[in-house]
């Protein structure tokens, strides 16, 4: 998902008709941040496993 589309989804939480309140918006934002960190750690683990199994350092991460 492109960052622009993701940012558009989070602006929904700042509209006056957002029925779930500020705490839910903060929780959703923090959850997204933690998922991103979790994914970063998963990539780091995968790169280390690749090195352990093959003995070769994996190339740089692919950019979309």
N, C-alpha and C. Protein backbone atom coordinates (compact mmCIF):
# COMPACT_ATOMS: atom_id res chain seq x y z
N UNK A 1 0.85 -1.17 0.00
CA UNK A 1 0.00 0.00 0.00
C UNK A 1 0.90 1.23 0.00
N UNK A 2 0.66 2.14 -0.93
CA UNK A 2 1.47 3.36 -0.98
C UNK A 2 1.25 4.22 0.26
N UNK A 3 2.29 4.94 0.69
CA UNK A 3 2.15 5.79 1.89
C UNK A 3 1.03 6.82 1.78
N UNK A 4 0.78 7.31 0.57
CA UNK A 4 -0.28 8.31 0.40
C UNK A 4 -1.65 7.72 0.74
N UNK A 5 -1.85 6.47 0.34
CA UNK A 5 -3.13 5.81 0.62
C UNK A 5 -3.27 5.54 2.12
N UNK A 6 -2.17 5.13 2.74
CA UNK A 6 -2.21 4.88 4.18
C UNK A 6 -2.48 6.17 4.95
N UNK A 7 -1.86 7.26 4.55
CA UNK A 7 -2.09 8.55 5.21
C UNK A 7 -3.55 8.96 5.06
N UNK A 8 -4.13 8.68 3.91
CA UNK A 8 -5.54 9.00 3.70
C UNK A 8 -6.46 8.25 4.64
N UNK A 9 -6.10 7.02 4.96
CA UNK A 9 -6.91 6.23 5.88
C UNK A 9 -6.84 6.80 7.30
N UNK A 10 -5.68 7.32 7.68
CA UNK A 10 -5.55 7.86 9.03
C UNK A 10 -6.22 9.23 9.17
N UNK A 11 -6.40 9.95 8.09
CA UNK A 11 -7.09 11.24 8.21
C UNK A 11 -8.57 11.05 8.53
N UNK A 12 -9.09 9.87 8.28
CA UNK A 12 -10.49 9.58 8.65
C UNK A 12 -10.67 9.76 10.15
N UNK A 13 -9.66 9.42 10.93
CA UNK A 13 -9.76 9.49 12.39
C UNK A 13 -9.75 10.90 12.93
N UNK A 14 -9.42 11.87 12.10
CA UNK A 14 -9.39 13.27 12.56
C UNK A 14 -10.66 14.03 12.19
N UNK A 15 -11.55 13.38 11.47
CA UNK A 15 -12.79 14.05 11.08
C UNK A 15 -13.75 14.14 12.26
N UNK A 16 -14.58 15.16 12.28
CA UNK A 16 -15.55 15.33 13.38
C UNK A 16 -16.54 14.17 13.50
N UNK A 17 -16.82 13.48 12.39
CA UNK A 17 -17.80 12.39 12.45
C UNK A 17 -17.18 11.05 12.85
N UNK A 18 -15.92 11.05 13.27
CA UNK A 18 -15.27 9.84 13.78
C UNK A 18 -15.94 9.49 15.11
N UNK A 19 -16.61 8.37 15.16
CA UNK A 19 -17.46 8.04 16.31
C UNK A 19 -16.73 7.31 17.43
N UNK A 20 -15.49 6.97 17.24
CA UNK A 20 -14.82 6.11 18.21
C UNK A 20 -13.95 6.85 19.22
N UNK A 21 -13.78 8.13 19.07
CA UNK A 21 -13.06 8.93 20.04
C UNK A 21 -11.56 8.97 19.83
N UNK A 22 -10.94 9.86 20.57
CA UNK A 22 -9.50 10.07 20.48
C UNK A 22 -8.69 8.85 20.94
N UNK A 23 -9.07 8.20 22.05
CA UNK A 23 -8.27 7.03 22.47
C UNK A 23 -8.20 5.94 21.40
N UNK A 24 -9.28 5.70 20.68
CA UNK A 24 -9.26 4.68 19.62
C UNK A 24 -8.35 5.10 18.47
N UNK A 25 -8.35 6.39 18.15
CA UNK A 25 -7.47 6.89 17.09
C UNK A 25 -6.01 6.74 17.49
N UNK A 26 -5.70 7.06 18.72
CA UNK A 26 -4.32 6.91 19.20
C UNK A 26 -3.92 5.44 19.21
N UNK A 27 -4.81 4.58 19.67
CA UNK A 27 -4.51 3.14 19.68
C UNK A 27 -4.25 2.62 18.27
N UNK A 28 -5.06 3.04 17.30
CA UNK A 28 -4.89 2.59 15.92
C UNK A 28 -3.56 3.07 15.36
N UNK A 29 -3.18 4.30 15.66
CA UNK A 29 -1.92 4.84 15.19
C UNK A 29 -0.74 4.10 15.80
N UNK A 30 -0.79 3.86 17.10
CA UNK A 30 0.29 3.12 17.75
C UNK A 30 0.36 1.68 17.25
N UNK A 31 -0.78 1.07 17.02
CA UNK A 31 -0.80 -0.29 16.50
C UNK A 31 -0.12 -0.36 15.14
N UNK A 32 -0.40 0.61 14.29
CA UNK A 32 0.24 0.65 12.97
C UNK A 32 1.75 0.79 13.11
N UNK A 33 2.18 1.62 14.04
CA UNK A 33 3.62 1.80 14.28
C UNK A 33 4.26 0.50 14.77
N UNK A 34 3.60 -0.18 15.69
CA UNK A 34 4.15 -1.42 16.22
C UNK A 34 4.18 -2.51 15.16
N UNK A 35 3.16 -2.57 14.27
CA UNK A 35 3.19 -3.54 13.17
C UNK A 35 4.37 -3.26 12.25
N UNK A 36 4.66 -2.00 12.01
CA UNK A 36 5.79 -1.65 11.16
C UNK A 36 7.10 -2.11 11.80
N UNK A 37 7.25 -1.89 13.10
CA UNK A 37 8.46 -2.34 13.80
C UNK A 37 8.56 -3.86 13.79
N UNK A 38 7.44 -4.54 13.97
CA UNK A 38 7.42 -6.00 13.93
C UNK A 38 7.88 -6.49 12.56
N UNK A 39 7.40 -5.85 11.51
CA UNK A 39 7.80 -6.23 10.15
C UNK A 39 9.29 -5.98 9.93
N UNK A 40 9.81 -4.87 10.44
CA UNK A 40 11.24 -4.58 10.32
C UNK A 40 12.07 -5.66 11.01
N UNK A 41 11.63 -6.09 12.18
CA UNK A 41 12.35 -7.16 12.90
C UNK A 41 12.26 -8.47 12.14
N UNK A 42 11.12 -8.77 11.54
CA UNK A 42 10.97 -10.00 10.76
C UNK A 42 11.92 -10.01 9.57
N UNK A 43 12.11 -8.87 8.93
CA UNK A 43 13.04 -8.78 7.81
C UNK A 43 14.47 -9.00 8.31
N UNK A 44 14.80 -8.42 9.44
CA UNK A 44 16.15 -8.59 9.99
C UNK A 44 16.42 -10.06 10.32
N UNK A 45 15.44 -10.73 10.91
CA UNK A 45 15.60 -12.15 11.24
C UNK A 45 15.75 -12.97 9.95
N UNK A 46 14.94 -12.68 8.95
CA UNK A 46 15.03 -13.41 7.69
C UNK A 46 16.40 -13.23 7.04
N UNK A 47 16.95 -12.03 7.09
CA UNK A 47 18.28 -11.79 6.53
C UNK A 47 19.33 -12.59 7.29
N UNK A 48 19.22 -12.66 8.59
CA UNK A 48 20.19 -13.44 9.38
C UNK A 48 20.07 -14.93 9.11
N UNK A 49 18.85 -15.42 8.99
CA UNK A 49 18.65 -16.84 8.68
C UNK A 49 19.21 -17.15 7.31
N UNK A 50 19.01 -16.26 6.35
CA UNK A 50 19.57 -16.46 5.01
C UNK A 50 21.08 -16.58 5.09
N UNK A 51 21.70 -15.74 5.89
CA UNK A 51 23.16 -15.80 6.03
C UNK A 51 23.59 -17.12 6.70
N UNK A 52 22.88 -17.53 7.74
CA UNK A 52 23.24 -18.76 8.45
C UNK A 52 23.11 -19.97 7.52
N UNK A 53 22.05 -20.00 6.72
CA UNK A 53 21.79 -21.17 5.86
C UNK A 53 22.72 -21.19 4.65
N UNK A 54 22.91 -20.03 4.00
CA UNK A 54 23.66 -20.01 2.74
C UNK A 54 25.11 -19.57 2.91
N UNK A 55 25.41 -18.85 3.98
CA UNK A 55 26.75 -18.31 4.15
C UNK A 55 26.97 -17.04 3.35
N UNK A 56 25.95 -16.57 2.68
CA UNK A 56 26.05 -15.35 1.87
C UNK A 56 25.19 -14.26 2.48
N UNK A 57 25.71 -13.04 2.45
CA UNK A 57 24.92 -11.91 2.92
C UNK A 57 23.85 -11.59 1.88
N UNK A 58 22.61 -11.47 2.30
CA UNK A 58 21.57 -11.09 1.34
C UNK A 58 21.79 -9.68 0.84
N UNK A 59 21.27 -9.41 -0.35
CA UNK A 59 21.41 -8.08 -0.94
C UNK A 59 20.57 -7.07 -0.20
N UNK A 60 20.62 -5.83 -0.65
CA UNK A 60 19.81 -4.79 0.01
C UNK A 60 18.33 -5.08 -0.16
N UNK A 61 17.56 -4.55 0.75
CA UNK A 61 16.10 -4.74 0.69
C UNK A 61 15.57 -4.13 -0.59
N UNK A 62 14.57 -4.77 -1.17
CA UNK A 62 13.97 -4.27 -2.42
C UNK A 62 13.07 -3.09 -2.12
N UNK A 63 13.14 -2.10 -2.99
CA UNK A 63 12.26 -0.93 -2.88
C UNK A 63 11.10 -1.14 -3.85
N UNK A 64 9.90 -0.83 -3.40
CA UNK A 64 8.73 -0.97 -4.29
C UNK A 64 8.51 0.29 -5.05
